């Protein structure tokens, strides 16, 4: 008879543990927290969308200014090392890195716009799935913003400075960022499941 009671007690023990974790993760005043979060996410997503929009139009290193030459009007020099007027200078110097920068910047812009769209769409924010979706969207937004910053800093930092100091600093920051992001993703996923 003791053998039969032991599995039931173990089940109750796990239920107690899950209940304690759920209570720890729960917000005390959920409606107020959702209202505050909606306002903060709206502000942050709008600011990030503005930043990424501007950095696409004014990329790191700037753009080549127009000159009075008539050749600049019909500029189609894809093999030349000089960009056409209005094109990014660093896109010619670092084409692969600039492509990654542009991808991360565009991903950041699109994901921040998606967060803004979800916030104004009228979906019920008190539903766990939509809250989880918003937070994952912000994780994608902030991660791509971090990577865009890294690529932009690489393109404008002189090679000797990058090799001596910046590389180690950025490697440490990226590792810390990935650890924090993994912890938050685990927390959000666990919270959604529990």
Protein backbone atom coordinates (compact mmCIF):
# COMPACT_ATOMS: atom_id res chain seq x y z
CA UNK A 1 0.00 0.00 0.00
CA UNK A 2 2.93 2.38 0.61
CA UNK A 3 4.10 1.76 -2.95
CA UNK A 4 0.76 3.02 -4.32
CA UNK A 5 0.82 6.21 -2.22
CA UNK A 6 4.36 7.13 -3.18
CA UNK A 7 3.65 7.86 -6.88
CA UNK A 8 0.63 9.99 -5.94
CA UNK A 9 2.73 11.96 -3.46
CA UNK A 10 5.40 12.49 -6.14
CA UNK A 11 2.73 13.80 -8.52
CA UNK A 12 1.48 16.17 -5.86
CA UNK A 13 5.04 17.31 -5.22
CA UNK A 14 5.57 18.17 -8.89
CA UNK A 15 2.25 19.97 -8.98
CA UNK A 16 3.30 22.01 -5.96
CA UNK A 17 6.59 22.90 -7.62
CA UNK A 18 4.84 23.92 -10.86
CA UNK A 19 2.31 25.96 -8.88
CA UNK A 20 5.07 27.79 -7.02
CA UNK A 21 6.88 28.52 -10.31
CA UNK A 22 3.65 29.71 -11.96
CA UNK A 23 2.89 32.00 -9.02
CA UNK A 24 6.44 33.34 -9.08
CA UNK A 25 6.18 34.11 -12.81
CA UNK A 26 2.71 35.63 -12.58
CA UNK A 27 2.28 39.37 -12.35
CA UNK A 28 0.44 40.67 -9.31
CA UNK A 29 -1.74 43.14 -11.20
CA UNK A 30 -1.90 41.67 -14.69
CA UNK A 31 -4.16 44.30 -16.28
CA UNK A 32 -1.96 47.18 -15.15
CA UNK A 33 1.19 45.36 -16.27
CA UNK A 34 -0.32 44.69 -19.73
CA UNK A 35 -1.33 48.33 -20.10
CA UNK A 36 2.15 49.54 -19.12
CA UNK A 37 3.83 46.96 -21.34
CA UNK A 38 1.70 47.91 -24.32
CA UNK A 39 2.64 51.57 -23.94
CA UNK A 40 6.34 50.85 -23.46
CA UNK A 41 6.50 48.38 -26.35
CA UNK A 42 4.73 50.84 -28.60
CA UNK A 43 7.23 53.57 -27.75
CA UNK A 44 10.29 51.32 -28.06
CA UNK A 45 9.15 49.75 -31.34
CA UNK A 46 8.42 53.18 -32.84
CA UNK A 47 11.82 54.56 -31.83
CA UNK A 48 13.61 51.48 -33.19
CA UNK A 49 11.68 51.70 -36.48
CA UNK A 50 12.73 55.36 -36.77
CA UNK A 51 16.38 54.57 -36.03
CA UNK A 52 16.56 51.72 -38.53
CA UNK A 53 14.76 53.75 -41.20
CA UNK A 54 17.28 56.56 -40.80
CA UNK A 55 20.27 54.22 -40.78
CA UNK A 56 19.09 52.70 -44.07
CA UNK A 57 18.89 56.16 -45.67
CA UNK A 58 22.10 57.40 -44.00
CA UNK A 59 24.28 54.29 -43.70
CA UNK A 60 27.54 54.12 -41.76
CA UNK A 61 30.27 55.89 -43.69
CA UNK A 62 27.74 58.03 -45.53
CA UNK A 63 26.83 58.20 -49.19
CA UNK A 64 28.73 59.66 -52.12
CA UNK A 65 27.61 63.20 -52.78
CA UNK A 66 26.53 64.30 -56.24
CA UNK A 67 28.98 66.32 -58.28
CA UNK A 68 28.67 68.60 -61.27
CA UNK A 69 30.01 65.94 -63.65
CA UNK A 70 27.59 64.86 -66.34
CA UNK A 71 28.94 61.29 -66.00
CA UNK A 72 27.36 61.02 -62.54
CA UNK A 73 23.88 61.43 -63.99
CA UNK A 74 24.14 58.16 -65.91
CA UNK A 75 26.21 56.26 -63.38
CA UNK A 76 25.99 52.48 -63.85
CA UNK A 77 29.47 51.46 -62.75
CA UNK A 78 28.91 48.13 -61.05
CA UNK A 79 32.57 47.08 -61.45
CA UNK A 80 34.09 50.42 -60.46
CA UNK A 81 35.39 51.04 -56.95
CA UNK A 82 33.58 54.38 -56.75
CA UNK A 83 29.90 54.32 -55.86
CA UNK A 84 27.40 56.32 -57.84
CA UNK A 85 26.11 59.54 -56.23
CA UNK A 86 23.70 58.74 -53.42
CA UNK A 87 25.05 55.20 -52.92
CA UNK A 88 26.73 53.97 -49.77
CA UNK A 89 30.50 54.32 -49.73
CA UNK A 90 31.03 51.32 -47.43
CA UNK A 91 28.86 49.11 -49.64
CA UNK A 92 31.68 49.30 -52.18
CA UNK A 93 34.52 48.91 -49.67
CA UNK A 94 32.95 46.10 -47.57
CA UNK A 95 30.25 44.56 -49.80
CA UNK A 96 29.74 41.36 -47.74
CA UNK A 97 29.67 43.11 -44.37
CA UNK A 98 27.42 45.85 -45.74
CA UNK A 99 25.00 43.22 -47.04
CA UNK A 100 24.84 41.64 -43.55
CA UNK A 101 24.40 45.08 -42.01
CA UNK A 102 21.56 45.89 -44.38
CA UNK A 103 19.90 42.50 -43.73
CA UNK A 104 20.03 42.98 -39.93
CA UNK A 105 18.85 46.57 -40.21
CA UNK A 106 15.95 45.56 -42.47
CA UNK A 107 15.01 42.66 -40.18
CA UNK A 108 15.04 45.03 -37.23
CA UNK A 109 12.86 47.55 -39.08
CA UNK A 110 10.37 44.89 -40.21
CA UNK A 111 10.11 43.21 -36.82
CA UNK A 112 9.62 46.53 -35.01
CA UNK A 113 6.92 47.40 -37.52
CA UNK A 114 5.31 43.99 -36.90
CA UNK A 115 5.29 44.69 -33.16
CA UNK A 116 3.65 48.08 -33.79
CA UNK A 117 1.09 46.41 -36.05
CA UNK A 118 0.28 43.76 -33.43
CA UNK A 119 -0.13 46.45 -30.78
CA UNK A 120 -2.63 48.48 -32.82
CA UNK A 121 -4.42 45.49 -34.35
CA UNK A 122 -6.81 44.97 -31.48
CA UNK A 123 -5.71 41.46 -30.55
CA UNK A 124 -6.46 40.73 -26.90
CA UNK A 125 -3.28 41.50 -25.00
CA UNK A 126 -4.46 39.54 -21.97
CA UNK A 127 -4.11 36.35 -24.00
CA UNK A 128 -0.79 34.61 -23.23
CA UNK A 129 -0.01 33.71 -26.81
CA UNK A 130 -0.22 37.29 -28.08
CA UNK A 131 1.87 38.54 -25.16
CA UNK A 132 4.45 35.84 -25.92
CA UNK A 133 4.37 36.76 -29.62
CA UNK A 134 5.02 40.43 -28.82
CA UNK A 135 7.92 39.61 -26.53
CA UNK A 136 9.50 37.23 -29.06
CA UNK A 137 9.07 39.96 -31.70
CA UNK A 138 10.94 42.38 -29.47
CA UNK A 139 13.69 39.81 -28.89
CA UNK A 140 14.11 39.51 -32.67
CA UNK A 141 14.06 43.29 -33.03
CA UNK A 142 16.67 43.91 -30.36
CA UNK A 143 18.90 41.05 -31.53
CA UNK A 144 18.94 42.29 -35.12
CA UNK A 145 19.57 45.84 -33.86
CA UNK A 146 22.57 44.54 -31.90
CA UNK A 147 23.96 42.75 -34.95
CA UNK A 148 23.40 45.79 -37.19
CA UNK A 149 25.33 47.87 -34.67
CA UNK A 150 28.15 45.32 -34.67
CA UNK A 151 28.42 45.30 -38.48
CA UNK A 152 28.19 49.09 -38.65
CA UNK A 153 30.92 49.48 -36.01
CA UNK A 154 33.12 47.02 -37.90
CA UNK A 155 32.81 48.96 -41.14
CA UNK A 156 33.71 52.35 -39.64
CA UNK A 157 36.42 51.23 -37.18
CA UNK A 158 39.98 51.26 -38.54
CA UNK A 159 41.46 47.76 -38.89
CA UNK A 160 44.29 48.20 -36.34
CA UNK A 161 41.86 49.43 -33.68
CA UNK A 162 39.40 46.65 -34.50
CA UNK A 163 42.07 43.95 -34.28
CA UNK A 164 43.57 45.22 -31.01
CA UNK A 165 40.60 46.21 -28.89
CA UNK A 166 37.21 46.10 -30.52
CA UNK A 167 37.18 42.45 -31.59
CA UNK A 168 37.60 41.10 -28.06
CA UNK A 169 35.14 43.60 -26.63
CA UNK A 170 32.48 42.80 -29.22
CA UNK A 171 33.02 39.05 -28.85
CA UNK A 172 32.43 39.30 -25.09
CA UNK A 173 29.36 41.48 -25.56
CA UNK A 174 27.87 39.12 -28.17
CA UNK A 175 28.42 36.12 -25.88
CA UNK A 176 26.76 37.92 -22.98
CA UNK A 177 23.92 38.99 -25.28
CA UNK A 178 23.38 35.43 -26.54
CA UNK A 179 23.35 34.10 -22.97
CA UNK A 180 20.82 36.71 -21.88
CA UNK A 181 18.70 36.13 -24.97
CA UNK A 182 18.74 32.36 -24.41
CA UNK A 183 17.72 32.83 -20.78
CA UNK A 184 14.84 35.13 -21.74
CA UNK A 185 13.68 32.82 -24.55
CA UNK A 186 13.75 29.87 -22.14
CA UNK A 187 11.84 31.88 -19.54
CA UNK A 188 9.20 33.02 -22.04
CA UNK A 189 8.76 29.55 -23.51
CA UNK A 190 8.52 27.97 -20.07
CA UNK A 191 6.01 30.61 -19.02
CA UNK A 192 3.89 29.94 -22.11
CA UNK A 193 3.90 26.20 -21.44
CA UNK A 194 3.23 26.45 -17.70
